[in-house]
Each structure stands twice: as structure tokens, then as C-alpha cells.
Amino acid sequence: MDNTKALYEIIESSRAFMNQMNTLVDQIHKEKGVNSCTRGVMLILKSEGFQTIPQLARKTQRSRQYLQKTISNMQSKGLISLTSNPDHKTSSLIELTERGTHVLTGILDIEAALINTVDIPLDSEQLKCLSSSLKQLTLAFQNK
């Protein structure tokens, strides 16, 4: 059975959903000076700890140059700190500061409140299945 058409529909639906969510994140967090890329970096740093710009670039699928601008902006706002990297002299280790953690908590609280106002036409089990399926598809294409 050819899954190409169904897969393209998933890709386009995922792209539209991601674009919509990125726009929404940019709108609701504008006053905090946080955009979707900054939010993504903060989540990675919170869950995985110290990262270098090349690591963050891979994980966010952004260029190192773009990430450097984002990191500089985050550092100027006190959201992150840079420390020397014992494994690499030119690539600092980046971590979320206490202020960054506080800002991220506020961001996630705002998002949770917004999510709770949306009438989502899927139940909890359907959402878990969808999440699992998208993770499997991501892994399938990860090294292509």
C-alpha cells in the first residue's frame, strides 16, 4: 500500500499547525520579548541542561548564525548564562539562569491557561496516539 499521499497530508497539516503555533507563541509572549525560537531554546536548556550553540542549532534545526543572535539576545535579557567549555575552547556552554527558569515557567503557565480555553476535538487517548505517531514519523526521517 502506498502511504505517500497520506504522509504528504500529515506533513502539510503538521506544517500548518506548527506555523500557527509559532505565530501564536510570538503573539502571546511578545511583551516578554520571547519568540518561538527563544522558547524552544529555553525548553531544551531546561530539560537537557548545558548546551553549545552547535548542539542547539541541531536540536532546533536553525543555523548557528541565527542561534548566535538568539543566544546574544537571551543573554542580554539575563535568561541564559555562558560558561567556558572544558571540551571546546571556542564553544561556550549555555545554561538557563534562575531568571530564565522563572520566565519559562510564566510562559508555560500562560500557554496552559490558553490551551484550557480551546475546544480541542480530540480526547486524551487520541492526543497520546497522535503524539506517539508524530514521534515515530520524526524518528523515521531523522537521518535522511
N, C-alpha and C. Protein backbone atom coordinates (compact mmCIF):
# COMPACT_ATOMS: atom_id res chain seq x y z
N MET A 1 0.84 -1.19 0.00
CA MET A 1 0.00 0.00 0.00
C MET A 1 0.88 1.25 0.00
N ASP A 2 0.53 2.20 -0.85
CA ASP A 2 1.31 3.43 -0.97
C ASP A 2 0.81 4.46 0.04
N ASN A 3 1.68 4.83 0.97
CA ASN A 3 1.33 5.79 2.02
C ASN A 3 1.72 7.22 1.66
N THR A 4 2.23 7.42 0.45
CA THR A 4 2.78 8.72 0.09
C THR A 4 1.76 9.84 0.25
N LYS A 5 0.57 9.67 -0.29
CA LYS A 5 -0.45 10.72 -0.23
C LYS A 5 -0.83 11.03 1.22
N ALA A 6 -1.07 9.99 2.00
CA ALA A 6 -1.45 10.19 3.41
C ALA A 6 -0.32 10.87 4.17
N LEU A 7 0.92 10.50 3.86
CA LEU A 7 2.06 11.11 4.54
C LEU A 7 2.19 12.59 4.17
N TYR A 8 1.98 12.91 2.89
CA TYR A 8 2.00 14.32 2.49
C TYR A 8 0.93 15.12 3.22
N GLU A 9 -0.24 14.54 3.42
CA GLU A 9 -1.30 15.23 4.15
C GLU A 9 -0.88 15.50 5.60
N ILE A 10 -0.21 14.53 6.20
CA ILE A 10 0.28 14.71 7.57
C ILE A 10 1.35 15.80 7.60
N ILE A 11 2.26 15.78 6.64
CA ILE A 11 3.33 16.78 6.58
C ILE A 11 2.73 18.18 6.45
N GLU A 12 1.78 18.35 5.54
CA GLU A 12 1.18 19.67 5.34
C GLU A 12 0.36 20.10 6.55
N SER A 13 -0.37 19.18 7.15
CA SER A 13 -1.14 19.51 8.36
C SER A 13 -0.20 19.87 9.51
N SER A 14 0.89 19.14 9.64
CA SER A 14 1.87 19.42 10.70
C SER A 14 2.52 20.78 10.48
N ARG A 15 2.85 21.08 9.24
CA ARG A 15 3.47 22.37 8.93
C ARG A 15 2.51 23.51 9.27
N ALA A 16 1.25 23.37 8.86
CA ALA A 16 0.25 24.41 9.14
C ALA A 16 0.06 24.58 10.65
N PHE A 17 0.00 23.46 11.38
CA PHE A 17 -0.17 23.52 12.83
C PHE A 17 1.04 24.17 13.49
N MET A 18 2.23 23.78 13.07
CA MET A 18 3.45 24.36 13.65
C MET A 18 3.54 25.86 13.37
N ASN A 19 3.23 26.26 12.14
CA ASN A 19 3.26 27.69 11.80
C ASN A 19 2.26 28.46 12.64
N GLN A 20 1.07 27.89 12.81
CA GLN A 20 0.04 28.54 13.62
C GLN A 20 0.49 28.65 15.08
N MET A 21 1.08 27.60 15.61
CA MET A 21 1.54 27.63 17.00
C MET A 21 2.70 28.61 17.19
N ASN A 22 3.63 28.64 16.22
CA ASN A 22 4.75 29.59 16.31
C ASN A 22 4.25 31.03 16.29
N THR A 23 3.28 31.32 15.42
CA THR A 23 2.69 32.65 15.36
C THR A 23 2.00 32.99 16.67
N LEU A 24 1.26 32.04 17.21
CA LEU A 24 0.56 32.26 18.48
C LEU A 24 1.56 32.51 19.62
N VAL A 25 2.62 31.71 19.67
CA VAL A 25 3.66 31.91 20.70
C VAL A 25 4.27 33.30 20.55
N ASP A 26 4.58 33.69 19.32
CA ASP A 26 5.17 35.01 19.09
C ASP A 26 4.23 36.12 19.57
N GLN A 27 2.92 35.95 19.34
CA GLN A 27 1.94 36.96 19.74
C GLN A 27 1.76 37.03 21.25
N ILE A 28 1.57 35.89 21.89
CA ILE A 28 1.22 35.92 23.32
C ILE A 28 2.41 36.22 24.23
N HIS A 29 3.62 36.04 23.72
CA HIS A 29 4.80 36.30 24.54
C HIS A 29 5.60 37.51 24.07
N LYS A 30 5.01 38.28 23.16
CA LYS A 30 5.71 39.44 22.60
C LYS A 30 6.16 40.41 23.69
N GLU A 31 5.29 40.67 24.67
CA GLU A 31 5.63 41.64 25.72
C GLU A 31 6.79 41.15 26.59
N LYS A 32 7.03 39.85 26.62
CA LYS A 32 8.17 39.30 27.37
C LYS A 32 9.44 39.29 26.52
N GLY A 33 9.29 39.63 25.23
CA GLY A 33 10.43 39.62 24.33
C GLY A 33 10.87 38.21 23.96
N VAL A 34 9.91 37.27 24.01
CA VAL A 34 10.21 35.87 23.73
C VAL A 34 9.48 35.45 22.46
N ASN A 35 10.22 34.89 21.51
CA ASN A 35 9.59 34.34 20.31
C ASN A 35 9.67 32.81 20.36
N SER A 36 9.16 32.17 19.32
CA SER A 36 9.10 30.70 19.33
C SER A 36 10.48 30.06 19.39
N CYS A 37 11.48 30.67 18.76
CA CYS A 37 12.83 30.10 18.81
C CYS A 37 13.41 30.22 20.22
N THR A 38 13.25 31.39 20.84
CA THR A 38 13.74 31.59 22.21
C THR A 38 13.07 30.60 23.15
N ARG A 39 11.76 30.44 23.00
CA ARG A 39 11.01 29.49 23.83
C ARG A 39 11.57 28.08 23.65
N GLY A 40 11.82 27.69 22.41
CA GLY A 40 12.35 26.36 22.13
C GLY A 40 13.71 26.14 22.77
N VAL A 41 14.58 27.15 22.68
CA VAL A 41 15.91 27.05 23.30
C VAL A 41 15.77 26.91 24.81
N MET A 42 14.87 27.70 25.39
CA MET A 42 14.67 27.64 26.85
C MET A 42 14.19 26.25 27.28
N LEU A 43 13.29 25.67 26.51
CA LEU A 43 12.79 24.33 26.85
C LEU A 43 13.90 23.28 26.78
N ILE A 44 14.74 23.38 25.75
CA ILE A 44 15.86 22.44 25.62
C ILE A 44 16.81 22.59 26.80
N LEU A 45 17.15 23.82 27.14
CA LEU A 45 18.08 24.05 28.26
C LEU A 45 17.49 23.57 29.58
N LYS A 46 16.18 23.75 29.75
CA LYS A 46 15.55 23.29 30.99
C LYS A 46 15.57 21.77 31.09
N SER A 47 15.25 21.10 29.99
CA SER A 47 15.14 19.64 30.04
C SER A 47 16.47 18.92 29.90
N GLU A 48 17.43 19.52 29.18
CA GLU A 48 18.68 18.81 28.90
C GLU A 48 19.92 19.43 29.55
N GLY A 49 19.77 20.61 30.12
CA GLY A 49 20.92 21.25 30.76
C GLY A 49 21.84 21.93 29.77
N PHE A 50 23.10 22.11 30.18
CA PHE A 50 24.10 22.81 29.38
C PHE A 50 24.10 22.35 27.92
N GLN A 51 24.19 23.33 27.00
CA GLN A 51 24.27 23.05 25.57
C GLN A 51 25.23 24.05 24.94
N THR A 52 25.78 23.68 23.80
CA THR A 52 26.57 24.61 23.00
C THR A 52 25.67 25.13 21.87
N ILE A 53 26.11 26.19 21.21
CA ILE A 53 25.33 26.69 20.08
C ILE A 53 25.19 25.64 18.98
N PRO A 54 26.25 24.92 18.60
CA PRO A 54 26.06 23.87 17.59
C PRO A 54 25.03 22.81 18.01
N GLN A 55 25.03 22.42 19.28
CA GLN A 55 24.04 21.45 19.75
C GLN A 55 22.63 22.02 19.63
N LEU A 56 22.46 23.27 20.06
CA LEU A 56 21.14 23.90 19.98
C LEU A 56 20.71 24.08 18.53
N ALA A 57 21.65 24.40 17.64
CA ALA A 57 21.32 24.56 16.22
C ALA A 57 20.78 23.25 15.65
N ARG A 58 21.42 22.15 16.00
CA ARG A 58 20.94 20.84 15.52
C ARG A 58 19.55 20.54 16.07
N LYS A 59 19.36 20.79 17.35
CA LYS A 59 18.09 20.43 18.00
C LYS A 59 16.93 21.33 17.57
N THR A 60 17.22 22.58 17.23
CA THR A 60 16.16 23.49 16.80
C THR A 60 16.05 23.56 15.28
N GLN A 61 16.99 22.94 14.60
CA GLN A 61 17.08 22.95 13.14
C GLN A 61 17.15 24.38 12.60
N ARG A 62 17.97 25.18 13.26
CA ARG A 62 18.26 26.55 12.86
C ARG A 62 19.75 26.65 12.57
N SER A 63 20.13 27.68 11.83
CA SER A 63 21.56 27.86 11.55
C SER A 63 22.27 28.35 12.82
N ARG A 64 23.55 28.06 12.89
CA ARG A 64 24.34 28.53 14.03
C ARG A 64 24.34 30.06 14.10
N GLN A 65 24.36 30.70 12.93
CA GLN A 65 24.37 32.16 12.91
C GLN A 65 23.07 32.72 13.50
N TYR A 66 21.94 32.12 13.13
CA TYR A 66 20.66 32.56 13.68
C TYR A 66 20.62 32.33 15.18
N LEU A 67 21.09 31.15 15.60
CA LEU A 67 21.09 30.83 17.03
C LEU A 67 22.01 31.76 17.80
N GLN A 68 23.12 32.17 17.20
CA GLN A 68 24.04 33.09 17.88
C GLN A 68 23.33 34.40 18.21
N LYS A 69 22.52 34.90 17.26
CA LYS A 69 21.76 36.13 17.51
C LYS A 69 20.74 35.90 18.63
N THR A 70 20.06 34.78 18.58
CA THR A 70 19.07 34.45 19.62
C THR A 70 19.74 34.35 20.98
N ILE A 71 20.88 33.67 21.03
CA ILE A 71 21.60 33.49 22.30
C ILE A 71 22.08 34.84 22.83
N SER A 72 22.60 35.70 21.96
CA SER A 72 23.05 37.03 22.39
C SER A 72 21.88 37.82 22.98
N ASN A 73 20.74 37.76 22.32
CA ASN A 73 19.54 38.44 22.81
C ASN A 73 19.11 37.88 24.17
N MET A 74 19.10 36.56 24.29
CA MET A 74 18.71 35.92 25.55
C MET A 74 19.68 36.30 26.67
N GLN A 75 20.97 36.36 26.34
CA GLN A 75 21.97 36.70 27.35
C GLN A 75 21.79 38.15 27.82
N SER A 76 21.47 39.05 26.88
CA SER A 76 21.28 40.46 27.26
C SER A 76 20.06 40.64 28.16
N LYS A 77 19.11 39.71 28.10
CA LYS A 77 17.91 39.77 28.94
C LYS A 77 18.08 38.99 30.24
N GLY A 78 19.24 38.38 30.42
CA GLY A 78 19.51 37.63 31.64
C GLY A 78 18.81 36.28 31.70
N LEU A 79 18.39 35.75 30.54
CA LEU A 79 17.69 34.46 30.51
C LEU A 79 18.65 33.28 30.54
N ILE A 80 19.86 33.50 30.06
CA ILE A 80 20.86 32.44 29.99
C ILE A 80 22.21 32.98 30.47
N SER A 81 23.10 32.06 30.78
CA SER A 81 24.49 32.43 31.06
C SER A 81 25.39 31.52 30.25
N LEU A 82 26.56 32.04 29.93
CA LEU A 82 27.55 31.28 29.19
C LEU A 82 28.74 31.02 30.09
N THR A 83 29.23 29.79 30.04
CA THR A 83 30.42 29.44 30.81
C THR A 83 31.41 28.76 29.88
N SER A 84 32.67 28.75 30.28
CA SER A 84 33.69 28.13 29.43
C SER A 84 33.43 26.63 29.35
N ASN A 85 33.77 26.11 28.19
CA ASN A 85 33.56 24.70 27.89
C ASN A 85 34.91 23.99 27.98
N PRO A 86 35.09 23.09 28.94
CA PRO A 86 36.38 22.40 29.07
C PRO A 86 36.71 21.51 27.86
N ASP A 87 35.68 21.14 27.10
CA ASP A 87 35.90 20.26 25.95
C ASP A 87 36.15 21.02 24.65
N HIS A 88 35.86 22.33 24.64
CA HIS A 88 35.98 23.09 23.41
C HIS A 88 36.19 24.57 23.74
N LYS A 89 37.34 25.10 23.37
CA LYS A 89 37.71 26.46 23.78
C LYS A 89 36.84 27.55 23.16
N THR A 90 36.31 27.33 21.96
CA THR A 90 35.57 28.40 21.29
C THR A 90 34.05 28.23 21.37
N SER A 91 33.57 27.16 21.95
CA SER A 91 32.13 26.92 22.02
C SER A 91 31.69 26.87 23.48
N SER A 92 31.17 28.00 23.96
CA SER A 92 30.75 28.10 25.37
C SER A 92 29.58 27.18 25.67
N LEU A 93 29.45 26.86 26.95
CA LEU A 93 28.29 26.12 27.43
C LEU A 93 27.22 27.12 27.85
N ILE A 94 26.01 26.87 27.44
CA ILE A 94 24.89 27.78 27.70
C ILE A 94 23.96 27.10 28.68
N GLU A 95 23.51 27.86 29.68
CA GLU A 95 22.52 27.31 30.61
C GLU A 95 21.48 28.36 30.94
N LEU A 96 20.31 27.90 31.31
CA LEU A 96 19.23 28.77 31.73
C LEU A 96 19.56 29.35 33.10
N THR A 97 19.36 30.65 33.26
CA THR A 97 19.57 31.28 34.57
C THR A 97 18.31 31.10 35.42
N GLU A 98 18.40 31.51 36.66
CA GLU A 98 17.22 31.47 37.53
C GLU A 98 16.12 32.36 36.94
N ARG A 99 16.51 33.52 36.43
CA ARG A 99 15.53 34.40 35.78
C ARG A 99 14.93 33.72 34.57
N GLY A 100 15.76 33.05 33.76
CA GLY A 100 15.27 32.34 32.59
C GLY A 100 14.28 31.25 32.96
N THR A 101 14.58 30.52 34.02
CA THR A 101 13.67 29.48 34.50
C THR A 101 12.35 30.09 34.94
N HIS A 102 12.42 31.23 35.63
CA HIS A 102 11.21 31.93 36.09
C HIS A 102 10.37 32.39 34.89
N VAL A 103 11.02 32.98 33.89
CA VAL A 103 10.32 33.44 32.69
C VAL A 103 9.69 32.26 31.96
N LEU A 104 10.43 31.16 31.83
CA LEU A 104 9.89 29.98 31.16
C LEU A 104 8.68 29.43 31.89
N THR A 105 8.73 29.39 33.21
CA THR A 105 7.58 28.92 33.99
C THR A 105 6.36 29.80 33.71
N GLY A 106 6.56 31.10 33.65
CA GLY A 106 5.47 32.02 33.33
C GLY A 106 4.91 31.79 31.94
N ILE A 107 5.79 31.54 30.99
CA ILE A 107 5.39 31.27 29.61
C ILE A 107 4.52 30.01 29.56
N LEU A 108 4.99 28.96 30.20
CA LEU A 108 4.25 27.69 30.18
C LEU A 108 2.91 27.82 30.90
N ASP A 109 2.85 28.63 31.96
CA ASP A 109 1.58 28.87 32.66
C ASP A 109 0.58 29.59 31.75
N ILE A 110 1.05 30.60 31.03
CA ILE A 110 0.19 31.33 30.09
C ILE A 110 -0.32 30.39 29.01
N GLU A 111 0.57 29.55 28.48
CA GLU A 111 0.18 28.62 27.43
C GLU A 111 -0.83 27.59 27.94
N ALA A 112 -0.62 27.08 29.14
CA ALA A 112 -1.55 26.10 29.72
C ALA A 112 -2.93 26.72 29.89
N ALA A 113 -2.97 27.96 30.35
CA ALA A 113 -4.26 28.64 30.51
C ALA A 113 -4.95 28.81 29.16
N LEU A 114 -4.19 29.17 28.13
CA LEU A 114 -4.75 29.32 26.79
C LEU A 114 -5.25 27.98 26.26
N ILE A 115 -4.45 26.95 26.41
CA ILE A 115 -4.84 25.62 25.92
C ILE A 115 -6.15 25.18 26.55
N ASN A 116 -6.33 25.50 27.83
CA ASN A 116 -7.55 25.10 28.53
C ASN A 116 -8.79 25.85 28.05
N THR A 117 -8.62 26.91 27.25
CA THR A 117 -9.77 27.64 26.70
C THR A 117 -10.16 27.14 25.32
N VAL A 118 -9.34 26.29 24.72
CA VAL A 118 -9.57 25.82 23.36
C VAL A 118 -10.39 24.52 23.40
N ASP A 119 -11.43 24.48 22.58
CA ASP A 119 -12.26 23.28 22.48
C ASP A 119 -11.58 22.32 21.50
N ILE A 120 -10.76 21.44 22.03
CA ILE A 120 -10.00 20.51 21.20
C ILE A 120 -10.88 19.30 20.89
N PRO A 121 -11.06 18.97 19.60
CA PRO A 121 -11.97 17.90 19.22
C PRO A 121 -11.39 16.49 19.34
N LEU A 122 -10.40 16.32 20.19
CA LEU A 122 -9.78 15.02 20.41
C LEU A 122 -9.74 14.75 21.90
N ASP A 123 -9.94 13.47 22.27
CA ASP A 123 -9.83 13.14 23.70
C ASP A 123 -8.37 12.82 24.04
N SER A 124 -8.12 12.57 25.30
CA SER A 124 -6.76 12.36 25.79
C SER A 124 -6.07 11.20 25.09
N GLU A 125 -6.78 10.10 24.89
CA GLU A 125 -6.18 8.94 24.22
C GLU A 125 -5.83 9.24 22.77
N GLN A 126 -6.69 9.97 22.08
CA GLN A 126 -6.41 10.34 20.69
C GLN A 126 -5.19 11.26 20.62
N LEU A 127 -5.08 12.17 21.56
CA LEU A 127 -3.92 13.06 21.59
C LEU A 127 -2.63 12.29 21.85
N LYS A 128 -2.67 11.32 22.77
CA LYS A 128 -1.49 10.48 23.04
C LYS A 128 -1.10 9.69 21.81
N CYS A 129 -2.08 9.14 21.11
CA CYS A 129 -1.82 8.36 19.89
C CYS A 129 -1.21 9.27 18.81
N LEU A 130 -1.76 10.46 18.65
CA LEU A 130 -1.23 11.41 17.68
C LEU A 130 0.21 11.78 18.01
N SER A 131 0.47 12.07 19.27
CA SER A 131 1.82 12.41 19.70
C SER A 131 2.79 11.27 19.42
N SER A 132 2.40 10.07 19.75
CA SER A 132 3.24 8.89 19.52
C SER A 132 3.52 8.71 18.03
N SER A 133 2.49 8.86 17.21
CA SER A 133 2.64 8.69 15.77
C SER A 133 3.59 9.74 15.19
N LEU A 134 3.46 10.98 15.62
CA LEU A 134 4.34 12.04 15.12
C LEU A 134 5.79 11.80 15.55
N LYS A 135 5.99 11.31 16.76
CA LYS A 135 7.34 10.98 17.22
C LYS A 135 7.94 9.87 16.37
N GLN A 136 7.14 8.86 16.04
CA GLN A 136 7.63 7.75 15.21
C GLN A 136 8.01 8.24 13.82
N LEU A 137 7.18 9.11 13.24
CA LEU A 137 7.48 9.66 11.92
C LEU A 137 8.74 10.52 11.96
N THR A 138 8.89 11.30 13.01
CA THR A 138 10.10 12.13 13.16
C THR A 138 11.34 11.26 13.19
N LEU A 139 11.29 10.19 13.98
CA LEU A 139 12.44 9.27 14.06
C LEU A 139 12.71 8.59 12.72
N ALA A 140 11.66 8.24 11.99
CA ALA A 140 11.83 7.56 10.71
C ALA A 140 12.59 8.44 9.70
N PHE A 141 12.37 9.75 9.76
CA PHE A 141 13.01 10.66 8.81
C PHE A 141 14.24 11.36 9.36
N GLN A 142 14.57 11.10 10.60
CA GLN A 142 15.63 11.83 11.28
C GLN A 142 16.98 11.80 10.56
N ASN A 143 17.36 10.70 10.02
CA ASN A 143 18.69 10.57 9.42
C ASN A 143 18.66 10.52 7.89
N LYS A 144 17.62 11.03 7.30
CA LYS A 144 17.50 11.01 5.83
C LYS A 144 18.06 12.25 5.21
